[in-house]
Structures are given as structure tokens and as C-alpha cells.
Amino acid sequence: MPEHIYSDAAHRCSDIITLAAVTGNSGRWVAIRMSDGGWDGTLYDHRADAVRHQLHEQLCCYVQVIPAGMTPQEAEAFLWYNRELYDGGFRMPDPEFQVPLMPLTKADQLKQIEALTRK
């Protein structure tokens, strides 16, 4: 069976995220350079902090460390997806940023108006 070959950037990214996971940093954020899969050596508490500390937001993708770490296959897909988003003029939404949804029903509209006008 042929072995899948992933880019050096994907292996580097995978190693960084997995090391952060096994050292107890689940839930923290890492800014991964899309050019080479490297990072700035800092674990951030919030995605916004990771973005703010980069020279240009679009040079990195932002990964929240999960307990399982990240495989090279996942890293390759994540890097590719973020590159495609930036090339298309988009970016990954910040999962920590809550956007209020537009109410659909009359009852929901009244409830939202009441909540917004409460003192």
C-alpha cells in the first residue's frame, strides 16, 4: 500500500499542534505560518491575541489545540483550506466571536427588541 506523502509544512504544523496538545495546552491557540507550517513559538489564550501578534493576519492560519493533536493529513487539509480562503478574499471566522442572529419570527423580534431596550 503506498504511503501518503504530505508537505514539510503539514508535518511541521502537525508536530507543533500535537506537541502543544500532549504538553497540556488544549484550548489554546497557535498561529501557523502558511508558507512553511512554522510558528512564532507562542501559545495564545484567544484567537484574537494570536492574530494581533502577527505581522500580517493573512500570513498565518489560526489553530485551536485539541487534545488529540493534529495528523499530517489534517494539517495539509487545514493549510490548503486557509490558503484557498485567503486567495479568494475570505478568512476563517473567529469561533469566539458571537454574531447576533436576525430573529425570524414576530415573537423572536419582539423578544430581541425587549432585550435590547432593557435598562
Protein backbone atom coordinates (compact mmCIF):
# COMPACT_ATOMS: atom_id res chain seq x y z
CA MET A 1 0.00 0.00 0.00
CA PRO A 2 1.51 3.39 -0.97
CA GLU A 3 2.27 5.75 1.87
CA HIS A 4 0.71 9.20 1.67
CA ILE A 5 3.26 11.95 1.37
CA TYR A 6 2.43 15.27 2.95
CA SER A 7 4.31 18.54 2.65
CA ASP A 8 7.01 19.59 5.08
CA ALA A 9 4.69 22.42 6.13
CA ALA A 10 1.97 19.91 7.03
CA HIS A 11 4.38 17.76 9.05
CA ARG A 12 5.74 20.81 10.86
CA CYS A 13 2.24 22.09 11.67
CA SER A 14 1.16 18.63 12.83
CA ASP A 15 4.20 18.32 15.11
CA ILE A 16 3.61 21.75 16.65
CA ILE A 17 -0.09 21.16 17.37
CA THR A 18 0.45 17.62 18.66
CA LEU A 19 3.30 18.72 20.94
CA ALA A 20 1.12 21.53 22.32
CA ALA A 21 -1.66 19.01 22.95
CA VAL A 22 0.49 16.46 24.79
CA THR A 23 2.00 19.19 26.97
CA GLY A 24 -1.43 20.15 28.29
CA ASN A 25 -2.25 23.16 26.16
CA SER A 26 -5.61 22.07 24.78
CA GLY A 27 -7.90 25.01 24.11
CA ARG A 28 -5.07 27.44 23.42
CA TRP A 29 -4.37 28.96 20.01
CA VAL A 30 -1.36 28.72 17.70
CA ALA A 31 -0.57 30.95 14.71
CA ILE A 32 0.79 28.67 11.98
CA ARG A 33 2.63 30.26 9.05
CA MET A 34 1.02 29.11 5.84
CA SER A 35 4.30 29.39 3.94
CA ASP A 36 6.19 26.73 5.88
CA GLY A 37 3.95 25.40 8.70
CA GLY A 38 6.13 27.03 11.36
CA TRP A 39 5.02 29.23 14.22
CA ASP A 40 6.15 32.11 16.42
CA GLY A 41 6.68 29.88 19.46
CA THR A 42 3.78 31.36 21.43
CA LEU A 43 0.59 29.75 22.69
CA TYR A 44 -2.29 32.22 22.93
CA ASP A 45 -5.38 32.14 25.12
CA HIS A 46 -7.60 33.63 22.41
CA ARG A 47 -7.60 33.55 18.63
CA ALA A 48 -7.76 37.35 18.53
CA ASP A 49 -4.49 37.52 20.51
CA ALA A 50 -2.79 35.19 18.04
CA VAL A 51 -3.97 37.33 15.12
CA ARG A 52 -2.96 40.59 16.80
CA HIS A 53 0.63 39.41 17.37
CA GLN A 54 1.33 38.58 13.71
CA LEU A 55 2.89 40.94 11.21
CA HIS A 56 0.02 40.28 8.76
CA GLU A 57 -3.07 38.23 9.61
CA GLN A 58 -3.11 36.63 6.14
CA LEU A 59 0.33 35.06 6.54
CA CYS A 60 -0.93 32.63 9.17
CA CYS A 61 -3.78 30.31 9.90
CA TYR A 62 -5.00 30.00 13.46
CA VAL A 63 -5.42 26.61 15.09
CA GLN A 64 -7.04 25.84 18.41
CA VAL A 65 -5.18 22.96 20.06
CA ILE A 66 -7.36 19.92 20.69
CA PRO A 67 -6.41 17.01 22.99
CA ALA A 68 -5.84 14.60 20.06
CA GLY A 69 -3.36 16.91 18.35
CA MET A 70 -3.31 17.02 14.54
CA THR A 71 -2.24 14.48 11.95
CA PRO A 72 -0.19 15.48 8.90
CA GLN A 73 -3.24 14.74 6.75
CA GLU A 74 -5.41 17.11 8.83
CA ALA A 75 -2.67 19.75 8.77
CA GLU A 76 -2.34 19.51 4.99
CA ALA A 77 -6.08 19.97 4.55
CA PHE A 78 -6.22 22.84 7.06
CA LEU A 79 -3.33 24.70 5.46
CA TRP A 80 -4.77 24.19 1.96
CA TYR A 81 -8.23 25.37 3.03
CA ASN A 82 -6.91 28.52 4.70
CA ARG A 83 -4.72 29.35 1.69
CA GLU A 84 -7.74 28.99 -0.59
CA LEU A 85 -9.84 31.22 1.68
CA TYR A 86 -7.23 33.99 1.73
CA ASP A 87 -6.64 33.70 -2.03
CA GLY A 88 -10.40 34.12 -2.51
CA GLY A 89 -10.55 37.21 -0.29
CA PHE A 90 -12.04 35.41 2.72
CA ARG A 91 -10.80 34.16 6.08
CA MET A 92 -11.83 31.64 8.71
CA PRO A 93 -14.41 33.13 11.07
CA ASP A 94 -13.40 33.55 14.69
CA PRO A 95 -15.33 30.92 16.67
CA GLU A 96 -15.01 33.05 19.80
CA PHE A 97 -16.89 35.95 18.16
CA GLN A 98 -20.65 35.63 18.61
CA VAL A 99 -22.71 37.30 15.93
CA PRO A 100 -26.31 38.03 16.91
CA LEU A 101 -28.71 36.25 14.61
CA MET A 102 -31.57 38.05 12.95
CA PRO A 103 -34.83 36.92 14.54
CA LEU A 104 -37.11 35.12 12.12
CA THR A 105 -40.47 35.10 13.87
CA LYS A 106 -42.50 38.04 15.14
CA ALA A 107 -42.24 36.64 18.69
CA ASP A 108 -38.43 36.44 18.41
CA GLN A 109 -38.30 40.00 17.05
CA LEU A 110 -40.31 41.32 20.00
CA LYS A 111 -38.17 39.34 22.43
CA GLN A 112 -34.97 40.79 20.92
CA ILE A 113 -36.34 44.35 20.97
CA GLU A 114 -37.29 43.90 24.62
CA ALA A 115 -33.82 42.59 25.47
CA LEU A 116 -32.10 45.45 23.66
CA THR A 117 -34.22 48.16 25.29
CA ARG A 118 -33.96 46.86 28.86
CA LYS A 119 -32.17 49.17 31.25
